[in-house]
Amino acid sequence: RYAEVLRGKTSGRDVLTGKTIRLGEELG
């Protein structure tokens, strides 16, 4: 449901922790 905002990105960096977060079909 957030595909338009995510624009095909497969990961992002959490600026609070510095960890890379994988963006698949679901995010826990």
PDB file of all heavy atoms in Angstrom:
ATOM      1  N   ARG A   1       0.812  -1.222   0.000  1.00  0.00           N
ATOM      2  CA  ARG A   1       0.000   0.000   0.000  1.00  0.00           C
ATOM      3  C   ARG A   1       0.846   1.273   0.000  1.00  0.00           C
ATOM      4  O   ARG A   1       0.340   2.352  -0.247  1.00  0.00           O
ATOM      5  CB  ARG A   1      -0.974   0.002   1.168  1.00  0.00           C
ATOM      6  CG  ARG A   1      -0.295   0.147   2.518  1.00  0.00           C
ATOM      7  CD  ARG A   1      -1.259   0.275   3.651  1.00  0.00           C
ATOM      8  NE  ARG A   1      -1.939  -0.991   3.864  1.00  0.00           N
ATOM      9  CZ  ARG A   1      -2.747  -1.229   4.870  1.00  0.00           C
ATOM     10  NH1 ARG A   1      -3.005  -0.315   5.739  1.00  0.00           N
ATOM     11  NH2 ARG A   1      -3.297  -2.404   5.004  1.00  0.00           N
ATOM     12  N   TYR A   2       2.144   1.138   0.273  1.00  0.00           N
ATOM     13  CA  TYR A   2       3.039   2.296   0.298  1.00  0.00           C
ATOM     14  C   TYR A   2       3.982   2.327  -0.905  1.00  0.00           C
ATOM     15  O   TYR A   2       4.980   3.031  -0.905  1.00  0.00           O
ATOM     16  CB  TYR A   2       3.855   2.291   1.591  1.00  0.00           C
ATOM     17  CG  TYR A   2       2.978   2.280   2.815  1.00  0.00           C
ATOM     18  CD1 TYR A   2       2.786   1.115   3.538  1.00  0.00           C
ATOM     19  CD2 TYR A   2       2.312   3.427   3.234  1.00  0.00           C
ATOM     20  CE1 TYR A   2       1.960   1.082   4.651  1.00  0.00           C
ATOM     21  CE2 TYR A   2       1.475   3.406   4.335  1.00  0.00           C
ATOM     22  CZ  TYR A   2       1.313   2.230   5.036  1.00  0.00           C
ATOM     23  OH  TYR A   2       0.485   2.213   6.127  1.00  0.00           O
ATOM     24  N   ALA A   3       3.646   1.555  -1.950  1.00  0.00           N
ATOM     25  CA  ALA A   3       4.514   1.440  -3.131  1.00  0.00           C
ATOM     26  C   ALA A   3       4.801   2.794  -3.773  1.00  0.00           C
ATOM     27  O   ALA A   3       5.924   3.051  -4.208  1.00  0.00           O
ATOM     28  CB  ALA A   3       3.883   0.494  -4.149  1.00  0.00           C
ATOM     29  N   GLU A   4       3.827   3.672  -3.831  1.00  0.00           N
ATOM     30  CA  GLU A   4       4.027   4.990  -4.445  1.00  0.00           C
ATOM     31  C   GLU A   4       5.050   5.814  -3.673  1.00  0.00           C
ATOM     32  O   GLU A   4       5.874   6.513  -4.249  1.00  0.00           O
ATOM     33  CB  GLU A   4       2.700   5.746  -4.520  1.00  0.00           C
ATOM     34  CG  GLU A   4       2.810   7.069  -5.247  1.00  0.00           C
ATOM     35  CD  GLU A   4       1.473   7.765  -5.394  1.00  0.00           C
ATOM     36  OE1 GLU A   4       0.415   7.106  -5.318  1.00  0.00           O
ATOM     37  OE2 GLU A   4       1.492   8.993  -5.579  1.00  0.00           O
ATOM     38  N   VAL A   5       5.032   5.711  -2.367  1.00  0.00           N
ATOM     39  CA  VAL A   5       5.972   6.457  -1.523  1.00  0.00           C
ATOM     40  C   VAL A   5       7.363   5.824  -1.564  1.00  0.00           C
ATOM     41  O   VAL A   5       8.371   6.523  -1.649  1.00  0.00           O
ATOM     42  CB  VAL A   5       5.463   6.509  -0.064  1.00  0.00           C
ATOM     43  CG1 VAL A   5       6.478   7.154   0.854  1.00  0.00           C
ATOM     44  CG2 VAL A   5       4.133   7.244   0.004  1.00  0.00           C
ATOM     45  N   LEU A   6       7.418   4.500  -1.531  1.00  0.00           N
ATOM     46  CA  LEU A   6       8.703   3.793  -1.498  1.00  0.00           C
ATOM     47  C   LEU A   6       9.408   3.774  -2.857  1.00  0.00           C
ATOM     48  O   LEU A   6      10.619   3.597  -2.915  1.00  0.00           O
ATOM     49  CB  LEU A   6       8.505   2.368  -0.990  1.00  0.00           C
ATOM     50  CG  LEU A   6       7.994   2.271   0.447  1.00  0.00           C
ATOM     51  CD1 LEU A   6       7.723   0.818   0.817  1.00  0.00           C
ATOM     52  CD2 LEU A   6       8.970   2.905   1.413  1.00  0.00           C
ATOM     53  N   ARG A   7       8.656   3.956  -3.931  1.00  0.00           N
ATOM     54  CA  ARG A   7       9.207   4.078  -5.293  1.00  0.00           C
ATOM     55  C   ARG A   7      10.199   2.976  -5.648  1.00  0.00           C
ATOM     56  O   ARG A   7      11.271   3.236  -6.175  1.00  0.00           O
ATOM     57  CB  ARG A   7       9.873   5.433  -5.477  1.00  0.00           C
ATOM     58  CG  ARG A   7       8.929   6.584  -5.341  1.00  0.00           C
ATOM     59  CD  ARG A   7       9.642   7.878  -5.551  1.00  0.00           C
ATOM     60  NE  ARG A   7       8.773   8.967  -5.134  1.00  0.00           N
ATOM     61  CZ  ARG A   7       9.192  10.126  -4.731  1.00  0.00           C
ATOM     62  NH1 ARG A   7      10.471  10.390  -4.692  1.00  0.00           N
ATOM     63  NH2 ARG A   7       8.344  11.057  -4.369  1.00  0.00           N
ATOM     64  N   GLY A   8       9.847   1.743  -5.326  1.00  0.00           N
ATOM     65  CA  GLY A   8      10.691   0.612  -5.708  1.00  0.00           C
ATOM     66  C   GLY A   8      11.942   0.409  -4.866  1.00  0.00           C
ATOM     67  O   GLY A   8      12.757  -0.453  -5.174  1.00  0.00           O
ATOM     68  N   LYS A   9      12.109   1.170  -3.809  1.00  0.00           N
ATOM     69  CA  LYS A   9      13.285   0.994  -2.941  1.00  0.00           C
ATOM     70  C   LYS A   9      13.201  -0.355  -2.249  1.00  0.00           C
ATOM     71  O   LYS A   9      12.137  -0.796  -1.849  1.00  0.00           O
ATOM     72  CB  LYS A   9      13.366   2.103  -1.883  1.00  0.00           C
ATOM     73  CG  LYS A   9      13.391   3.507  -2.445  1.00  0.00           C
ATOM     74  CD  LYS A   9      14.691   3.778  -3.138  1.00  0.00           C
ATOM     75  CE  LYS A   9      14.720   5.242  -3.536  1.00  0.00           C
ATOM     76  NZ  LYS A   9      15.674   5.606  -4.487  1.00  0.00           N
ATOM     77  N   THR A  10      14.332  -0.998  -2.095  1.00  0.00           N
ATOM     78  CA  THR A  10      14.362  -2.310  -1.450  1.00  0.00           C
ATOM     79  C   THR A  10      14.967  -2.259  -0.049  1.00  0.00           C
ATOM     80  O   THR A  10      14.946  -3.242   0.672  1.00  0.00           O
ATOM     81  CB  THR A  10      15.156  -3.312  -2.298  1.00  0.00           C
ATOM     82  OG1 THR A  10      16.472  -2.794  -2.501  1.00  0.00           O
ATOM     83  CG2 THR A  10      14.480  -3.539  -3.655  1.00  0.00           C
ATOM     84  N   SER A  11      15.508  -1.110   0.322  1.00  0.00           N
ATOM     85  CA  SER A  11      16.052  -0.955   1.672  1.00  0.00           C
ATOM     86  C   SER A  11      16.139   0.522   2.011  1.00  0.00           C
ATOM     87  O   SER A  11      16.058   1.390   1.148  1.00  0.00           O
ATOM     88  CB  SER A  11      17.435  -1.601   1.791  1.00  0.00           C
ATOM     89  OG  SER A  11      18.367  -0.895   1.004  1.00  0.00           O
ATOM     90  N   GLY A  12      16.288   0.777   3.281  1.00  0.00           N
ATOM     91  CA  GLY A  12      16.471   2.138   3.779  1.00  0.00           C
ATOM     92  C   GLY A  12      17.317   2.089   5.034  1.00  0.00           C
ATOM     93  O   GLY A  12      17.440   1.041   5.677  1.00  0.00           O
ATOM     94  N   ARG A  13      17.930   3.210   5.385  1.00  0.00           N
ATOM     95  CA  ARG A  13      18.750   3.273   6.598  1.00  0.00           C
ATOM     96  C   ARG A  13      17.940   3.951   7.690  1.00  0.00           C
ATOM     97  O   ARG A  13      17.441   5.064   7.515  1.00  0.00           O
ATOM     98  CB  ARG A  13      20.031   4.072   6.339  1.00  0.00           C
ATOM     99  CG  ARG A  13      20.992   4.053   7.539  1.00  0.00           C
ATOM    100  CD  ARG A  13      22.253   4.831   7.247  1.00  0.00           C
ATOM    101  NE  ARG A  13      22.001   6.261   7.150  1.00  0.00           N
ATOM    102  CZ  ARG A  13      21.950   7.102   8.185  1.00  0.00           C
ATOM    103  NH1 ARG A  13      22.132   6.667   9.396  1.00  0.00           N
ATOM    104  NH2 ARG A  13      21.719   8.381   7.991  1.00  0.00           N
ATOM    105  N   ASP A  14      17.800   3.272   8.827  1.00  0.00           N
ATOM    106  CA  ASP A  14      17.102   3.852   9.972  1.00  0.00           C
ATOM    107  C   ASP A  14      18.026   4.903  10.590  1.00  0.00           C
ATOM    108  O   ASP A  14      19.088   4.567  11.110  1.00  0.00           O
ATOM    109  CB  ASP A  14      16.754   2.766  10.993  1.00  0.00           C
ATOM    110  CG  ASP A  14      15.955   3.279  12.167  1.00  0.00           C
ATOM    111  OD1 ASP A  14      15.708   4.494  12.255  1.00  0.00           O
ATOM    112  OD2 ASP A  14      15.581   2.458  13.021  1.00  0.00           O
ATOM    113  N   VAL A  15      17.644   6.162  10.516  1.00  0.00           N
ATOM    114  CA  VAL A  15      18.517   7.228  11.015  1.00  0.00           C
ATOM    115  C   VAL A  15      18.642   7.215  12.533  1.00  0.00           C
ATOM    116  O   VAL A  15      19.574   7.796  13.083  1.00  0.00           O
ATOM    117  CB  VAL A  15      18.079   8.629  10.521  1.00  0.00           C
ATOM    118  CG1 VAL A  15      18.121   8.705   9.009  1.00  0.00           C
ATOM    119  CG2 VAL A  15      16.701   8.988  11.025  1.00  0.00           C
ATOM    120  N   LEU A  16      17.737   6.539  13.225  1.00  0.00           N
ATOM    121  CA  LEU A  16      17.808   6.466  14.682  1.00  0.00           C
ATOM    122  C   LEU A  16      18.846   5.455  15.165  1.00  0.00           C
ATOM    123  O   LEU A  16      19.479   5.659  16.196  1.00  0.00           O
ATOM    124  CB  LEU A  16      16.436   6.108  15.266  1.00  0.00           C
ATOM    125  CG  LEU A  16      15.298   7.082  14.924  1.00  0.00           C
ATOM    126  CD1 LEU A  16      13.974   6.556  15.467  1.00  0.00           C
ATOM    127  CD2 LEU A  16      15.594   8.457  15.475  1.00  0.00           C
ATOM    128  N   THR A  17      19.020   4.362  14.392  1.00  0.00           N
ATOM    129  CA  THR A  17      19.941   3.309  14.814  1.00  0.00           C
ATOM    130  C   THR A  17      21.124   3.120  13.865  1.00  0.00           C
ATOM    131  O   THR A  17      22.108   2.490  14.234  1.00  0.00           O
ATOM    132  CB  THR A  17      19.207   1.952  14.911  1.00  0.00           C
ATOM    133  OG1 THR A  17      18.761   1.578  13.597  1.00  0.00           O
ATOM    134  CG2 THR A  17      18.035   2.020  15.870  1.00  0.00           C
ATOM    135  N   GLY A  18      21.003   3.623  12.644  1.00  0.00           N
ATOM    136  CA  GLY A  18      22.047   3.443  11.646  1.00  0.00           C
ATOM    137  C   GLY A  18      21.964   2.107  10.928  1.00  0.00           C
ATOM    138  O   GLY A  18      22.754   1.826  10.031  1.00  0.00           O
ATOM    139  N   LYS A  19      21.002   1.265  11.296  1.00  0.00           N
ATOM    140  CA  LYS A  19      20.857  -0.055  10.679  1.00  0.00           C
ATOM    141  C   LYS A  19      20.146   0.042   9.329  1.00  0.00           C
ATOM    142  O   LYS A  19      19.286   0.895   9.133  1.00  0.00           O
ATOM    143  CB  LYS A  19      20.047  -0.987  11.577  1.00  0.00           C
ATOM    144  CG  LYS A  19      20.743  -1.330  12.870  1.00  0.00           C
ATOM    145  CD  LYS A  19      19.889  -2.269  13.695  1.00  0.00           C
ATOM    146  CE  LYS A  19      20.589  -2.602  15.003  1.00  0.00           C
ATOM    147  NZ  LYS A  19      19.774  -3.497  15.834  1.00  0.00           N
ATOM    148  N   THR A  20      20.514  -0.868   8.425  1.00  0.00           N
ATOM    149  CA  THR A  20      19.832  -0.966   7.146  1.00  0.00           C
ATOM    150  C   THR A  20      18.608  -1.854   7.318  1.00  0.00           C
ATOM    151  O   THR A  20      18.700  -2.958   7.849  1.00  0.00           O
ATOM    152  CB  THR A  20      20.764  -1.555   6.073  1.00  0.00           C
ATOM    153  OG1 THR A  20      21.874  -0.669   5.918  1.00  0.00           O
ATOM    154  CG2 THR A  20      20.054  -1.693   4.737  1.00  0.00           C
ATOM    155  N   ILE A  21      17.461  -1.366   6.873  1.00  0.00           N
ATOM    156  CA  ILE A  21      16.193  -2.074   6.996  1.00  0.00           C
ATOM    157  C   ILE A  21      15.776  -2.546   5.611  1.00  0.00           C
ATOM    158  O   ILE A  21      15.664  -1.740   4.680  1.00  0.00           O
ATOM    159  CB  ILE A  21      15.098  -1.158   7.593  1.00  0.00           C
ATOM    160  CG1 ILE A  21      15.551  -0.541   8.923  1.00  0.00           C
ATOM    161  CG2 ILE A  21      13.784  -1.900   7.731  1.00  0.00           C
ATOM    162  CD1 ILE A  21      15.851  -1.537  10.013  1.00  0.00           C
ATOM    163  N   ARG A  22      15.564  -3.848   5.461  1.00  0.00           N
ATOM    164  CA  ARG A  22      15.121  -4.406   4.183  1.00  0.00           C
ATOM    165  C   ARG A  22      13.628  -4.158   4.005  1.00  0.00           C
ATOM    166  O   ARG A  22      12.838  -4.382   4.919  1.00  0.00           O
ATOM    167  CB  ARG A  22      15.406  -5.905   4.141  1.00  0.00           C
ATOM    168  CG  ARG A  22      15.212  -6.507   2.762  1.00  0.00           C
ATOM    169  CD  ARG A  22      15.501  -7.984   2.740  1.00  0.00           C
ATOM    170  NE  ARG A  22      14.466  -8.781   3.394  1.00  0.00           N
ATOM    171  CZ  ARG A  22      13.278  -9.059   2.863  1.00  0.00           C
ATOM    172  NH1 ARG A  22      12.964  -8.594   1.675  1.00  0.00           N
ATOM    173  NH2 ARG A  22      12.409  -9.800   3.510  1.00  0.00           N
ATOM    174  N   LEU A  23      13.246  -3.695   2.838  1.00  0.00           N
ATOM    175  CA  LEU A  23      11.852  -3.408   2.527  1.00  0.00           C
ATOM    176  C   LEU A  23      11.348  -4.449   1.529  1.00  0.00           C
ATOM    177  O   LEU A  23      11.506  -4.298   0.328  1.00  0.00           O
ATOM    178  CB  LEU A  23      11.716  -1.997   1.950  1.00  0.00           C
ATOM    179  CG  LEU A  23      12.240  -0.876   2.845  1.00  0.00           C
ATOM    180  CD1 LEU A  23      12.244   0.444   2.102  1.00  0.00           C
ATOM    181  CD2 LEU A  23      11.431  -0.782   4.123  1.00  0.00           C
ATOM    182  N   GLY A  24      10.763  -5.509   2.047  1.00  0.00           N
ATOM    183  CA  GLY A  24      10.225  -6.574   1.206  1.00  0.00           C
ATOM    184  C   GLY A  24       8.726  -6.392   1.060  1.00  0.00           C
ATOM    185  O   GLY A  24       8.217  -5.279   0.948  1.00  0.00           O
ATOM    186  N   GLU A  25       8.001  -7.494   1.102  1.00  0.00           N
ATOM    187  CA  GLU A  25       6.541  -7.439   1.016  1.00  0.00           C
ATOM    188  C   GLU A  25       5.931  -6.920   2.314  1.00  0.00           C
ATOM    189  O   GLU A  25       4.892  -6.264   2.299  1.00  0.00           O
ATOM    190  CB  GLU A  25       5.977  -8.810   0.672  1.00  0.00           C
ATOM    191  CG  GLU A  25       6.314  -9.252  -0.736  1.00  0.00           C
ATOM    192  CD  GLU A  25       5.704 -10.598  -1.064  1.00  0.00           C
ATOM    193  OE1 GLU A  25       4.722 -10.998  -0.412  1.00  0.00           O
ATOM    194  OE2 GLU A  25       6.224 -11.242  -1.980  1.00  0.00           O
ATOM    195  N   GLU A  26       6.579  -7.258   3.438  1.00  0.00           N
ATOM    196  CA  GLU A  26       6.099  -6.816   4.750  1.00  0.00           C
ATOM    197  C   GLU A  26       7.275  -6.320   5.580  1.00  0.00           C
ATOM    198  O   GLU A  26       8.423  -6.700   5.343  1.00  0.00           O
ATOM    199  CB  GLU A  26       5.428  -7.963   5.509  1.00  0.00           C
ATOM    200  CG  GLU A  26       4.138  -8.433   4.917  1.00  0.00           C
ATOM    201  CD  GLU A  26       3.464  -9.492   5.786  1.00  0.00           C
ATOM    202  OE1 GLU A  26       4.166 -10.180   6.553  1.00  0.00           O
ATOM    203  OE2 GLU A  26       2.239  -9.613   5.681  1.00  0.00           O
ATOM    204  N   LEU A  27       6.961  -5.479   6.542  1.00  0.00           N
ATOM    205  CA  LEU A  27       7.975  -4.982   7.464  1.00  0.00           C
ATOM    206  C   LEU A  27       7.506  -5.271   8.876  1.00  0.00           C
ATOM    207  O   LEU A  27       6.453  -4.783   9.305  1.00  0.00           O
ATOM    208  CB  LEU A  27       8.177  -3.472   7.277  1.00  0.00           C
ATOM    209  CG  LEU A  27       9.163  -2.796   8.219  1.00  0.00           C
ATOM    210  CD1 LEU A  27      10.565  -3.365   8.011  1.00  0.00           C
ATOM    211  CD2 LEU A  27       9.170  -1.301   7.997  1.00  0.00           C
ATOM    212  N   GLY A  28       8.256  -6.087   9.599  1.00  0.00           N
ATOM    213  CA  GLY A  28       7.924  -6.399  10.989  1.00  0.00           C
ATOM    214  C   GLY A  28       8.284  -5.224  11.883  1.00  0.00           C
ATOM    215  O   GLY A  28       9.376  -4.676  11.784  1.00  0.00           O
TER     216      GLY A  28
END
